[in-house]
Amino acid sequence: MNRNQAIIASLCYFSVFIAPIIVPIVAYFVVNEKETKRHAIRSLISHIVPFVGWLFLFIALLGGAVAIDGDSLLPVFVIIGGAVIYFLVVIGIIIWNVIQGIKVLREA
């Protein structure tokens, strides 16, 4: 992988801060090198995972809001626990993307 391809691949990972889904998709269709496409797909998947998790958390939040009655705090604890786990996963994914972006730049 040449230096320009490495920069594009690392931008796919670093795009988690700017345009998480758009940059990897554009890079995948614009670049012809196989290794850069592989990095674009990996970064795209890592950008989609938090969105899917957010959907599950939103559905749980709606379900928990409906299930809350005066006697049970279990739905509240489940929602808070789910939110904490979600945010820890998102932070982990962001860190992973930064590490991968730096790793790709160093290998070039």
PDB file of N, CA and C in Angstrom:
ATOM      1  N   MET A   1       0.857  -1.171   0.000  1.00  0.00           N
ATOM      2  CA  MET A   1       0.000   0.000   0.000  1.00  0.00           C
ATOM      3  C   MET A   1       0.905   1.236   0.000  1.00  0.00           C
ATOM      4  N   ASN A   2       0.663   2.122  -0.940  1.00  0.00           N
ATOM      5  CA  ASN A   2       1.473   3.329  -0.991  1.00  0.00           C
ATOM      6  C   ASN A   2       0.983   4.361   0.036  1.00  0.00           C
ATOM      7  N   ARG A   3       1.719   5.441   0.141  1.00  0.00           N
ATOM      8  CA  ARG A   3       1.434   6.447   1.174  1.00  0.00           C
ATOM      9  C   ARG A   3       0.051   7.078   0.997  1.00  0.00           C
ATOM     10  N   ASN A   4      -0.345   7.384  -0.236  1.00  0.00           N
ATOM     11  CA  ASN A   4      -1.666   7.988  -0.479  1.00  0.00           C
ATOM     12  C   ASN A   4      -2.792   7.045  -0.089  1.00  0.00           C
ATOM     13  N   GLN A   5      -2.634   5.776  -0.411  1.00  0.00           N
ATOM     14  CA  GLN A   5      -3.653   4.790  -0.045  1.00  0.00           C
ATOM     15  C   GLN A   5      -3.739   4.636   1.475  1.00  0.00           C
ATOM     16  N   ALA A   6      -2.581   4.694   2.136  1.00  0.00           N
ATOM     17  CA  ALA A   6      -2.567   4.595   3.596  1.00  0.00           C
ATOM     18  C   ALA A   6      -3.272   5.790   4.234  1.00  0.00           C
ATOM     19  N   ILE A   7      -3.094   6.954   3.645  1.00  0.00           N
ATOM     20  CA  ILE A   7      -3.770   8.151   4.173  1.00  0.00           C
ATOM     21  C   ILE A   7      -5.280   8.011   4.007  1.00  0.00           C
ATOM     22  N   ILE A   8      -5.714   7.521   2.870  1.00  0.00           N
ATOM     23  CA  ILE A   8      -7.152   7.317   2.645  1.00  0.00           C
ATOM     24  C   ILE A   8      -7.700   6.286   3.618  1.00  0.00           C
ATOM     25  N   ALA A   9      -6.970   5.180   3.804  1.00  0.00           N
ATOM     26  CA  ALA A   9      -7.425   4.141   4.723  1.00  0.00           C
ATOM     27  C   ALA A   9      -7.500   4.669   6.157  1.00  0.00           C
ATOM     28  N   SER A  10      -6.503   5.454   6.557  1.00  0.00           N
ATOM     29  CA  SER A  10      -6.535   5.996   7.917  1.00  0.00           C
ATOM     30  C   SER A  10      -7.648   7.030   8.070  1.00  0.00           C
ATOM     31  N   LEU A  11      -7.933   7.787   7.017  1.00  0.00           N
ATOM     32  CA  LEU A  11      -9.050   8.735   7.081  1.00  0.00           C
ATOM     33  C   LEU A  11     -10.381   8.023   7.275  1.00  0.00           C
ATOM     34  N   CYS A  12     -10.490   6.825   6.725  1.00  0.00           N
ATOM     35  CA  CYS A  12     -11.713   6.044   6.946  1.00  0.00           C
ATOM     36  C   CYS A  12     -11.907   5.767   8.430  1.00  0.00           C
ATOM     37  N   TYR A  13     -10.817   5.422   9.116  1.00  0.00           N
ATOM     38  CA  TYR A  13     -10.908   5.175  10.556  1.00  0.00           C
ATOM     39  C   TYR A  13     -11.126   6.463  11.338  1.00  0.00           C
ATOM     40  N   PHE A  14     -10.403   7.523  10.972  1.00  0.00           N
ATOM     41  CA  PHE A  14     -10.522   8.788  11.696  1.00  0.00           C
ATOM     42  C   PHE A  14     -11.852   9.496  11.426  1.00  0.00           C
ATOM     43  N   SER A  15     -12.564   9.069  10.410  1.00  0.00           N
ATOM     44  CA  SER A  15     -13.848   9.705  10.095  1.00  0.00           C
ATOM     45  C   SER A  15     -14.904   9.434  11.158  1.00  0.00           C
ATOM     46  N   VAL A  16     -14.577   8.617  12.148  1.00  0.00           N
ATOM     47  CA  VAL A  16     -15.503   8.380  13.253  1.00  0.00           C
ATOM     48  C   VAL A  16     -15.846   9.695  13.955  1.00  0.00           C
ATOM     49  N   PHE A  17     -14.976  10.702  13.808  1.00  0.00           N
ATOM     50  CA  PHE A  17     -15.203  12.004  14.438  1.00  0.00           C
ATOM     51  C   PHE A  17     -15.984  12.974  13.546  1.00  0.00           C
ATOM     52  N   ILE A  18     -15.989  12.765  12.239  1.00  0.00           N
ATOM     53  CA  ILE A  18     -16.563  13.757  11.334  1.00  0.00           C
ATOM     54  C   ILE A  18     -17.781  13.224  10.580  1.00  0.00           C
ATOM     55  N   ALA A  19     -17.559  12.273   9.693  1.00  0.00           N
ATOM     56  CA  ALA A  19     -18.644  11.713   8.876  1.00  0.00           C
ATOM     57  C   ALA A  19     -18.509  10.187   8.892  1.00  0.00           C
ATOM     58  N   PRO A  20     -18.942   9.553   9.969  1.00  0.00           N
ATOM     59  CA  PRO A  20     -18.615   8.153  10.198  1.00  0.00           C
ATOM     60  C   PRO A  20     -18.993   7.170   9.102  1.00  0.00           C
ATOM     61  N   ILE A  21     -20.094   7.321   8.482  1.00  0.00           N
ATOM     62  CA  ILE A  21     -20.523   6.321   7.502  1.00  0.00           C
ATOM     63  C   ILE A  21     -20.198   6.767   6.083  1.00  0.00           C
ATOM     64  N   ILE A  22     -20.207   8.043   5.833  1.00  0.00           N
ATOM     65  CA  ILE A  22     -20.037   8.562   4.478  1.00  0.00           C
ATOM     66  C   ILE A  22     -18.624   8.346   3.947  1.00  0.00           C
ATOM     67  N   VAL A  23     -17.603   8.687   4.737  1.00  0.00           N
ATOM     68  CA  VAL A  23     -16.216   8.609   4.259  1.00  0.00           C
ATOM     69  C   VAL A  23     -15.823   7.182   3.872  1.00  0.00           C
ATOM     70  N   PRO A  24     -16.088   6.156   4.698  1.00  0.00           N
ATOM     71  CA  PRO A  24     -15.716   4.802   4.272  1.00  0.00           C
ATOM     72  C   PRO A  24     -16.448   4.330   3.011  1.00  0.00           C
ATOM     73  N   ILE A  25     -17.703   4.715   2.866  1.00  0.00           N
ATOM     74  CA  ILE A  25     -18.452   4.314   1.665  1.00  0.00           C
ATOM     75  C   ILE A  25     -17.854   4.974   0.429  1.00  0.00           C
ATOM     76  N   VAL A  26     -17.574   6.263   0.506  1.00  0.00           N
ATOM     77  CA  VAL A  26     -16.970   6.971  -0.631  1.00  0.00           C
ATOM     78  C   VAL A  26     -15.609   6.371  -0.953  1.00  0.00           C
ATOM     79  N   ALA A  27     -14.801   6.126   0.077  1.00  0.00           N
ATOM     80  CA  ALA A  27     -13.476   5.548  -0.155  1.00  0.00           C
ATOM     81  C   ALA A  27     -13.579   4.172  -0.799  1.00  0.00           C
ATOM     82  N   TYR A  28     -14.537   3.383  -0.381  1.00  0.00           N
ATOM     83  CA  TYR A  28     -14.692   2.033  -0.934  1.00  0.00           C
ATOM     84  C   TYR A  28     -14.977   2.092  -2.435  1.00  0.00           C
ATOM     85  N   PHE A  29     -15.829   3.014  -2.851  1.00  0.00           N
ATOM     86  CA  PHE A  29     -16.198   3.077  -4.263  1.00  0.00           C
ATOM     87  C   PHE A  29     -15.203   3.857  -5.125  1.00  0.00           C
ATOM     88  N   VAL A  30     -14.408   4.729  -4.516  1.00  0.00           N
ATOM     89  CA  VAL A  30     -13.474   5.539  -5.289  1.00  0.00           C
ATOM     90  C   VAL A  30     -12.124   4.846  -5.475  1.00  0.00           C
ATOM     91  N   VAL A  31     -11.645   4.179  -4.449  1.00  0.00           N
ATOM     92  CA  VAL A  31     -10.307   3.583  -4.466  1.00  0.00           C
ATOM     93  C   VAL A  31     -10.366   2.198  -5.108  1.00  0.00           C
ATOM     94  N   ASN A  32      -9.323   1.861  -5.864  1.00  0.00           N
ATOM     95  CA  ASN A  32      -9.283   0.573  -6.546  1.00  0.00           C
ATOM     96  C   ASN A  32      -8.394  -0.458  -5.866  1.00  0.00           C
ATOM     97  N   GLU A  33      -7.629  -0.066  -4.860  1.00  0.00           N
ATOM     98  CA  GLU A  33      -6.726  -1.005  -4.217  1.00  0.00           C
ATOM     99  C   GLU A  33      -7.474  -1.877  -3.201  1.00  0.00           C
ATOM    100  N   LYS A  34      -7.185  -3.148  -3.220  1.00  0.00           N
ATOM    101  CA  LYS A  34      -7.884  -4.126  -2.392  1.00  0.00           C
ATOM    102  C   LYS A  34      -7.681  -3.877  -0.889  1.00  0.00           C
ATOM    103  N   GLU A  35      -6.457  -3.569  -0.496  1.00  0.00           N
ATOM    104  CA  GLU A  35      -6.152  -3.358   0.927  1.00  0.00           C
ATOM    105  C   GLU A  35      -6.878  -2.126   1.478  1.00  0.00           C
ATOM    106  N   THR A  36      -6.950  -1.077   0.705  1.00  0.00           N
ATOM    107  CA  THR A  36      -7.653   0.132   1.142  1.00  0.00           C
ATOM    108  C   THR A  36      -9.152  -0.128   1.239  1.00  0.00           C
ATOM    109  N   LYS A  37      -9.686  -0.901   0.308  1.00  0.00           N
ATOM    110  CA  LYS A  37     -11.108  -1.272   0.385  1.00  0.00           C
ATOM    111  C   LYS A  37     -11.392  -2.089   1.639  1.00  0.00           C
ATOM    112  N   ARG A  38     -10.443  -2.965   2.000  1.00  0.00           N
ATOM    113  CA  ARG A  38     -10.621  -3.775   3.210  1.00  0.00           C
ATOM    114  C   ARG A  38     -10.682  -2.874   4.444  1.00  0.00           C
ATOM    115  N   HIS A  39      -9.820  -1.881   4.506  1.00  0.00           N
ATOM    116  CA  HIS A  39      -9.844  -0.941   5.631  1.00  0.00           C
ATOM    117  C   HIS A  39     -11.132  -0.109   5.619  1.00  0.00           C
ATOM    118  N   ALA A  40     -11.611   0.253   4.443  1.00  0.00           N
ATOM    119  CA  ALA A  40     -12.858   1.021   4.354  1.00  0.00           C
ATOM    120  C   ALA A  40     -14.036   0.208   4.893  1.00  0.00           C
ATOM    121  N   ILE A  41     -14.085  -1.080   4.557  1.00  0.00           N
ATOM    122  CA  ILE A  41     -15.169  -1.945   5.045  1.00  0.00           C
ATOM    123  C   ILE A  41     -15.061  -2.128   6.561  1.00  0.00           C
ATOM    124  N   ARG A  42     -13.844  -2.366   7.058  1.00  0.00           N
ATOM    125  CA  ARG A  42     -13.662  -2.536   8.504  1.00  0.00           C
ATOM    126  C   ARG A  42     -14.089  -1.285   9.262  1.00  0.00           C
ATOM    127  N   SER A  43     -13.711  -0.133   8.751  1.00  0.00           N
ATOM    128  CA  SER A  43     -14.086   1.101   9.440  1.00  0.00           C
ATOM    129  C   SER A  43     -15.583   1.359   9.328  1.00  0.00           C
ATOM    130  N   LEU A  44     -16.162   1.011   8.189  1.00  0.00           N
ATOM    131  CA  LEU A  44     -17.611   1.184   8.030  1.00  0.00           C
ATOM    132  C   LEU A  44     -18.371   0.330   9.040  1.00  0.00           C
ATOM    133  N   ILE A  45     -17.945  -0.904   9.201  1.00  0.00           N
ATOM    134  CA  ILE A  45     -18.607  -1.778  10.178  1.00  0.00           C
ATOM    135  C   ILE A  45     -18.459  -1.213  11.584  1.00  0.00           C
ATOM    136  N   SER A  46     -17.266  -0.714  11.901  1.00  0.00           N
ATOM    137  CA  SER A  46     -17.075  -0.152  13.244  1.00  0.00           C
ATOM    138  C   SER A  46     -17.860   1.139  13.440  1.00  0.00           C
ATOM    139  N   HIS A  47     -18.240   1.812  12.364  1.00  0.00           N
ATOM    140  CA  HIS A  47     -19.062   3.014  12.476  1.00  0.00           C
ATOM    141  C   HIS A  47     -20.548   2.673  12.553  1.00  0.00           C
ATOM    142  N   ILE A  48     -20.932   1.534  11.988  1.00  0.00           N
ATOM    143  CA  ILE A  48     -22.342   1.129  12.001  1.00  0.00           C
ATOM    144  C   ILE A  48     -22.737   0.527  13.347  1.00  0.00           C
ATOM    145  N   VAL A  49     -21.820  -0.157  14.008  1.00  0.00           N
ATOM    146  CA  VAL A  49     -22.127  -0.828  15.278  1.00  0.00           C
ATOM    147  C   VAL A  49     -22.723   0.132  16.316  1.00  0.00           C
ATOM    148  N   PRO A  50     -22.155   1.323  16.548  1.00  0.00           N
ATOM    149  CA  PRO A  50     -22.785   2.223  17.524  1.00  0.00           C
ATOM    150  C   PRO A  50     -24.194   2.664  17.114  1.00  0.00           C
ATOM    151  N   PHE A  51     -24.420   2.818  15.813  1.00  0.00           N
ATOM    152  CA  PHE A  51     -25.759   3.207  15.362  1.00  0.00           C
ATOM    153  C   PHE A  51     -26.770   2.110  15.663  1.00  0.00           C
ATOM    154  N   VAL A  52     -26.409   0.866  15.401  1.00  0.00           N
ATOM    155  CA  VAL A  52     -27.299  -0.260  15.692  1.00  0.00           C
ATOM    156  C   VAL A  52     -27.531  -0.355  17.198  1.00  0.00           C
ATOM    157  N   GLY A  53     -26.459  -0.177  17.980  1.00  0.00           N
ATOM    158  CA  GLY A  53     -26.605  -0.179  19.434  1.00  0.00           C
ATOM    159  C   GLY A  53     -27.518   0.926  19.916  1.00  0.00           C
ATOM    160  N   TRP A  54     -27.409   2.093  19.280  1.00  0.00           N
ATOM    161  CA  TRP A  54     -28.282   3.203  19.643  1.00  0.00           C
ATOM    162  C   TRP A  54     -29.742   2.847  19.373  1.00  0.00           C
ATOM    163  N   LEU A  55     -30.005   2.170  18.256  1.00  0.00           N
ATOM    164  CA  LEU A  55     -31.385   1.764  17.964  1.00  0.00           C
ATOM    165  C   LEU A  55     -31.919   0.817  19.034  1.00  0.00           C
ATOM    166  N   PHE A  56     -31.105  -0.167  19.433  1.00  0.00           N
ATOM    167  CA  PHE A  56     -31.535  -1.082  20.495  1.00  0.00           C
ATOM    168  C   PHE A  56     -31.767  -0.342  21.805  1.00  0.00           C
ATOM    169  N   LEU A  57     -30.887   0.592  22.132  1.00  0.00           N
ATOM    170  CA  LEU A  57     -31.050   1.372  23.353  1.00  0.00           C
ATOM    171  C   LEU A  57     -32.309   2.229  23.290  1.00  0.00           C
ATOM    172  N   PHE A  58     -32.595   2.803  22.144  1.00  0.00           N
ATOM    173  CA  PHE A  58     -33.798   3.617  21.976  1.00  0.00           C
ATOM    174  C   PHE A  58     -35.055   2.770  22.140  1.00  0.00           C
ATOM    175  N   ILE A  59     -35.042   1.575  21.550  1.00  0.00           N
ATOM    176  CA  ILE A  59     -36.197   0.676  21.680  1.00  0.00           C
ATOM    177  C   ILE A  59     -36.369   0.252  23.137  1.00  0.00           C
ATOM    178  N   ALA A  60     -35.252  -0.045  23.818  1.00  0.00           N
ATOM    179  CA  ALA A  60     -35.332  -0.400  25.232  1.00  0.00           C
ATOM    180  C   ALA A  60     -35.839   0.764  26.064  1.00  0.00           C
ATOM    181  N   LEU A  61     -35.423   1.967  25.706  1.00  0.00           N
ATOM    182  CA  LEU A  61     -35.880   3.152  26.417  1.00  0.00           C
ATOM    183  C   LEU A  61     -37.384   3.330  26.260  1.00  0.00           C
ATOM    184  N   LEU A  62     -37.881   3.144  25.039  1.00  0.00           N
ATOM    185  CA  LEU A  62     -39.322   3.252  24.823  1.00  0.00           C
ATOM    186  C   LEU A  62     -40.071   2.152  25.567  1.00  0.00           C
ATOM    187  N   GLY A  63     -39.550   0.929  25.489  1.00  0.00           N
ATOM    188  CA  GLY A  63     -40.188  -0.180  26.204  1.00  0.00           C
ATOM    189  C   GLY A  63     -40.133   0.006  27.700  1.00  0.00           C
ATOM    190  N   GLY A  64     -39.025   0.521  28.201  1.00  0.00           N
ATOM    191  CA  GLY A  64     -38.897   0.758  29.635  1.00  0.00           C
ATOM    192  C   GLY A  64     -39.813   1.865  30.107  1.00  0.00           C
ATOM    193  N   ALA A  65     -40.000   2.882  29.297  1.00  0.00           N
ATOM    194  CA  ALA A  65     -40.891   3.985  29.664  1.00  0.00           C
ATOM    195  C   ALA A  65     -42.330   3.504  29.754  1.00  0.00           C
ATOM    196  N   VAL A  66     -42.689   2.556  28.913  1.00  0.00           N
ATOM    197  CA  VAL A  66     -44.043   2.012  28.943  1.00  0.00           C
ATOM    198  C   VAL A  66     -44.205   1.076  30.131  1.00  0.00           C
ATOM    199  N   ALA A  67     -43.134   0.322  30.474  1.00  0.00           N
ATOM    200  CA  ALA A  67     -43.225  -0.698  31.519  1.00  0.00           C
ATOM    201  C   ALA A  67     -43.084  -0.138  32.924  1.00  0.00           C
ATOM    202  N   ILE A  68     -42.671   1.099  33.068  1.00  0.00           N
ATOM    203  CA  ILE A  68     -42.457   1.641  34.408  1.00  0.00           C
ATOM    204  C   ILE A  68     -43.798   1.821  35.106  1.00  0.00           C
ATOM    205  N   ASP A  69     -43.886   1.210  36.277  1.00  0.00           N
ATOM    206  CA  ASP A  69     -45.045   1.456  37.128  1.00  0.00           C
ATOM    207  C   ASP A  69     -44.523   1.927  38.478  1.00  0.00           C
ATOM    208  N   GLY A  70     -45.375   2.238  39.378  1.00  0.00           N
ATOM    209  CA  GLY A  70     -44.960   2.822  40.636  1.00  0.00           C
ATOM    210  C   GLY A  70     -44.192   1.887  41.545  1.00  0.00           C
ATOM    211  N   ASP A  71     -44.303   0.565  41.361  1.00  0.00           N
ATOM    212  CA  ASP A  71     -43.703  -0.371  42.298  1.00  0.00           C
ATOM    213  C   ASP A  71     -42.354  -0.926  41.867  1.00  0.00           C
ATOM    214  N   SER A  72     -41.994  -0.813  40.618  1.00  0.00           N
ATOM    215  CA  SER A  72     -40.790  -1.486  40.136  1.00  0.00           C
ATOM    216  C   SER A  72     -39.805  -0.488  39.534  1.00  0.00           C
ATOM    217  N   LEU A  73     -38.566  -0.589  39.984  1.00  0.00           N
ATOM    218  CA  LEU A  73     -37.513   0.224  39.408  1.00  0.00           C
ATOM    219  C   LEU A  73     -36.624  -0.577  38.468  1.00  0.00           C
ATOM    220  N   LEU A  74     -36.961  -1.841  38.253  1.00  0.00           N
ATOM    221  CA  LEU A  74     -36.152  -2.695  37.394  1.00  0.00           C
ATOM    222  C   LEU A  74     -35.993  -2.128  35.987  1.00  0.00           C
ATOM    223  N   PRO A  75     -37.059  -1.671  35.325  1.00  0.00           N
ATOM    224  CA  PRO A  75     -36.860  -1.104  33.981  1.00  0.00           C
ATOM    225  C   PRO A  75     -35.912   0.091  33.966  1.00  0.00           C
ATOM    226  N   VAL A  76     -35.926   0.886  35.019  1.00  0.00           N
ATOM    227  CA  VAL A  76     -35.033   2.044  35.093  1.00  0.00           C
ATOM    228  C   VAL A  76     -33.587   1.572  35.179  1.00  0.00           C
ATOM    229  N   PHE A  77     -33.324   0.574  36.015  1.00  0.00           N
ATOM    230  CA  PHE A  77     -31.962   0.050  36.146  1.00  0.00           C
ATOM    231  C   PHE A  77     -31.498  -0.630  34.861  1.00  0.00           C
ATOM    232  N   VAL A  78     -32.398  -1.299  34.171  1.00  0.00           N
ATOM    233  CA  VAL A  78     -32.040  -1.936  32.904  1.00  0.00           C
ATOM    234  C   VAL A  78     -31.684  -0.879  31.866  1.00  0.00           C
ATOM    235  N   ILE A  79     -32.451   0.180  31.801  1.00  0.00           N
ATOM    236  CA  ILE A  79     -32.179   1.255  30.835  1.00  0.00           C
ATOM    237  C   ILE A  79     -30.858   1.951  31.165  1.00  0.00           C
ATOM    238  N   ILE A  80     -30.642   2.258  32.437  1.00  0.00           N
ATOM    239  CA  ILE A  80     -29.395   2.917  32.824  1.00  0.00           C
ATOM    240  C   ILE A  80     -28.205   1.994  32.575  1.00  0.00           C
ATOM    241  N   GLY A  81     -28.340   0.728  32.925  1.00  0.00           N
ATOM    242  CA  GLY A  81     -27.265  -0.236  32.668  1.00  0.00           C
ATOM    243  C   GLY A  81     -26.980  -0.375  31.188  1.00  0.00           C
ATOM    244  N   GLY A  82     -28.032  -0.430  30.374  1.00  0.00           N
ATOM    245  CA  GLY A  82     -27.860  -0.506  28.923  1.00  0.00           C
ATOM    246  C   GLY A  82     -27.175   0.730  28.371  1.00  0.00           C
ATOM    247  N   ALA A  83     -27.521   1.895  28.907  1.00  0.00           N
ATOM    248  CA  ALA A  83     -26.898   3.135  28.446  1.00  0.00           C
ATOM    249  C   ALA A  83     -25.419   3.174  28.814  1.00  0.00           C
ATOM    250  N   VAL A  84     -25.092   2.728  30.010  1.00  0.00           N
ATOM    251  CA  VAL A  84     -23.688   2.706  30.431  1.00  0.00           C
ATOM    252  C   VAL A  84     -22.886   1.752  29.548  1.00  0.00           C
ATOM    253  N   ILE A  85     -23.423   0.564  29.313  1.00  0.00           N
ATOM    254  CA  ILE A  85     -22.743  -0.407  28.449  1.00  0.00           C
ATOM    255  C   ILE A  85     -22.594   0.147  27.038  1.00  0.00           C
ATOM    256  N   TYR A  86     -23.633   0.789  26.528  1.00  0.00           N
ATOM    257  CA  TYR A  86     -23.584   1.369  25.186  1.00  0.00           C
ATOM    258  C   TYR A  86     -22.461   2.408  25.088  1.00  0.00           C
ATOM    259  N   PHE A  87     -22.403   3.322  26.044  1.00  0.00           N
ATOM    260  CA  PHE A  87     -21.385   4.372  25.979  1.00  0.00           C
ATOM    261  C   PHE A  87     -19.975   3.809  26.140  1.00  0.00           C
ATOM    262  N   LEU A  88     -19.804   2.763  26.944  1.00  0.00           N
ATOM    263  CA  LEU A  88     -18.497   2.125  27.055  1.00  0.00           C
ATOM    264  C   LEU A  88     -18.090   1.473  25.736  1.00  0.00           C
ATOM    265  N   VAL A  89     -19.056   0.844  25.063  1.00  0.00           N
ATOM    266  CA  VAL A  89     -18.774   0.235  23.760  1.00  0.00           C
ATOM    267  C   VAL A  89     -18.416   1.314  22.741  1.00  0.00           C
ATOM    268  N   VAL A  90     -19.136   2.409  22.737  1.00  0.00           N
ATOM    269  CA  VAL A  90     -18.845   3.505  21.796  1.00  0.00           C
ATOM    270  C   VAL A  90     -17.455   4.079  22.044  1.00  0.00           C
ATOM    271  N   ILE A  91     -17.094   4.280  23.292  1.00  0.00           N
ATOM    272  CA  ILE A  91     -15.751   4.788  23.603  1.00  0.00           C
ATOM    273  C   ILE A  91     -14.694   3.784  23.143  1.00  0.00           C
ATOM    274  N   GLY A  92     -14.952   2.503  23.364  1.00  0.00           N
ATOM    275  CA  GLY A  92     -14.031   1.468  22.907  1.00  0.00           C
ATOM    276  C   GLY A  92     -13.878   1.457  21.396  1.00  0.00           C
ATOM    277  N   ILE A  93     -14.972   1.639  20.682  1.00  0.00           N
ATOM    278  CA  ILE A  93     -14.925   1.665  19.215  1.00  0.00           C
ATOM    279  C   ILE A  93     -14.165   2.896  18.727  1.00  0.00           C
ATOM    280  N   ILE A  94     -14.369   4.022  19.357  1.00  0.00           N
ATOM    281  CA  ILE A  94     -13.626   5.233  18.970  1.00  0.00           C
ATOM    282  C   ILE A  94     -12.132   5.030  19.184  1.00  0.00           C
ATOM    283  N   ILE A  95     -11.757   4.477  20.331  1.00  0.00           N
ATOM    284  CA  ILE A  95     -10.342   4.211  20.607  1.00  0.00           C
ATOM    285  C   ILE A  95      -9.782   3.229  19.583  1.00  0.00           C
ATOM    286  N   TRP A  96     -10.540   2.174  19.268  1.00  0.00           N
ATOM    287  CA  TRP A  96     -10.099   1.185  18.284  1.00  0.00           C
ATOM    288  C   TRP A  96      -9.867   1.844  16.927  1.00  0.00           C
ATOM    289  N   ASN A  97     -10.773   2.722  16.513  1.00  0.00           N
ATOM    290  CA  ASN A  97     -10.623   3.407  15.229  1.00  0.00           C
ATOM    291  C   ASN A  97      -9.374   4.286  15.201  1.00  0.00           C
ATOM    292  N   VAL A  98      -9.111   4.994  16.280  1.00  0.00           N
ATOM    293  CA  VAL A  98      -7.918   5.838  16.328  1.00  0.00           C
ATOM    294  C   VAL A  98      -6.656   4.976  16.259  1.00  0.00           C
ATOM    295  N   ILE A  99      -6.631   3.886  17.003  1.00  0.00           N
ATOM    296  CA  ILE A  99      -5.469   2.988  16.980  1.00  0.00           C
ATOM    297  C   ILE A  99      -5.266   2.411  15.580  1.00  0.00           C
ATOM    298  N   GLN A 100      -6.348   1.976  14.937  1.00  0.00           N
ATOM    299  CA  GLN A 100      -6.234   1.413  13.594  1.00  0.00           C
ATOM    300  C   GLN A 100      -5.754   2.463  12.592  1.00  0.00           C
ATOM    301  N   GLY A 101      -6.255   3.688  12.708  1.00  0.00           N
ATOM    302  CA  GLY A 101      -5.830   4.754  11.807  1.00  0.00           C
ATOM    303  C   GLY A 101      -4.346   5.052  11.954  1.00  0.00           C
ATOM    304  N   ILE A 102      -3.876   5.108  13.180  1.00  0.00           N
ATOM    305  CA  ILE A 102      -2.457   5.355  13.424  1.00  0.00           C
ATOM    306  C   ILE A 102      -1.618   4.167  12.918  1.00  0.00           C
ATOM    307  N   LYS A 103      -2.104   2.971  13.160  1.00  0.00           N
ATOM    308  CA  LYS A 103      -1.398   1.757  12.730  1.00  0.00           C
ATOM    309  C   LYS A 103      -1.239   1.718  11.209  1.00  0.00           C
ATOM    310  N   VAL A 104      -2.283   2.073  10.479  1.00  0.00           N
ATOM    311  CA  VAL A 104      -2.221   2.082   9.014  1.00  0.00           C
ATOM    312  C   VAL A 104      -1.208   3.126   8.543  1.00  0.00           C
ATOM    313  N   LEU A 105      -1.190   4.284   9.170  1.00  0.00           N
ATOM    314  CA  LEU A 105      -0.224   5.317   8.774  1.00  0.00           C
ATOM    315  C   LEU A 105       1.214   4.897   9.063  1.00  0.00           C
ATOM    316  N   ARG A 106       1.427   4.208  10.162  1.00  0.00           N
ATOM    317  CA  ARG A 106       2.783   3.772  10.499  1.00  0.00           C
ATOM    318  C   ARG A 106       3.287   2.678   9.580  1.00  0.00           C
ATOM    319  N   GLU A 107       2.389   1.834   9.081  1.00  0.00           N
ATOM    320  CA  GLU A 107       2.786   0.732   8.204  1.00  0.00           C
ATOM    321  C   GLU A 107       3.169   1.217   6.813  1.00  0.00           C
ATOM    322  N   ALA A 108       2.718   2.404   6.449  1.00  0.00           N
ATOM    323  CA  ALA A 108       2.995   2.906   5.088  1.00  0.00           C
ATOM    324  C   ALA A 108       4.387   3.446   4.957  1.00  0.00           C
TER     325      ALA A 108
END
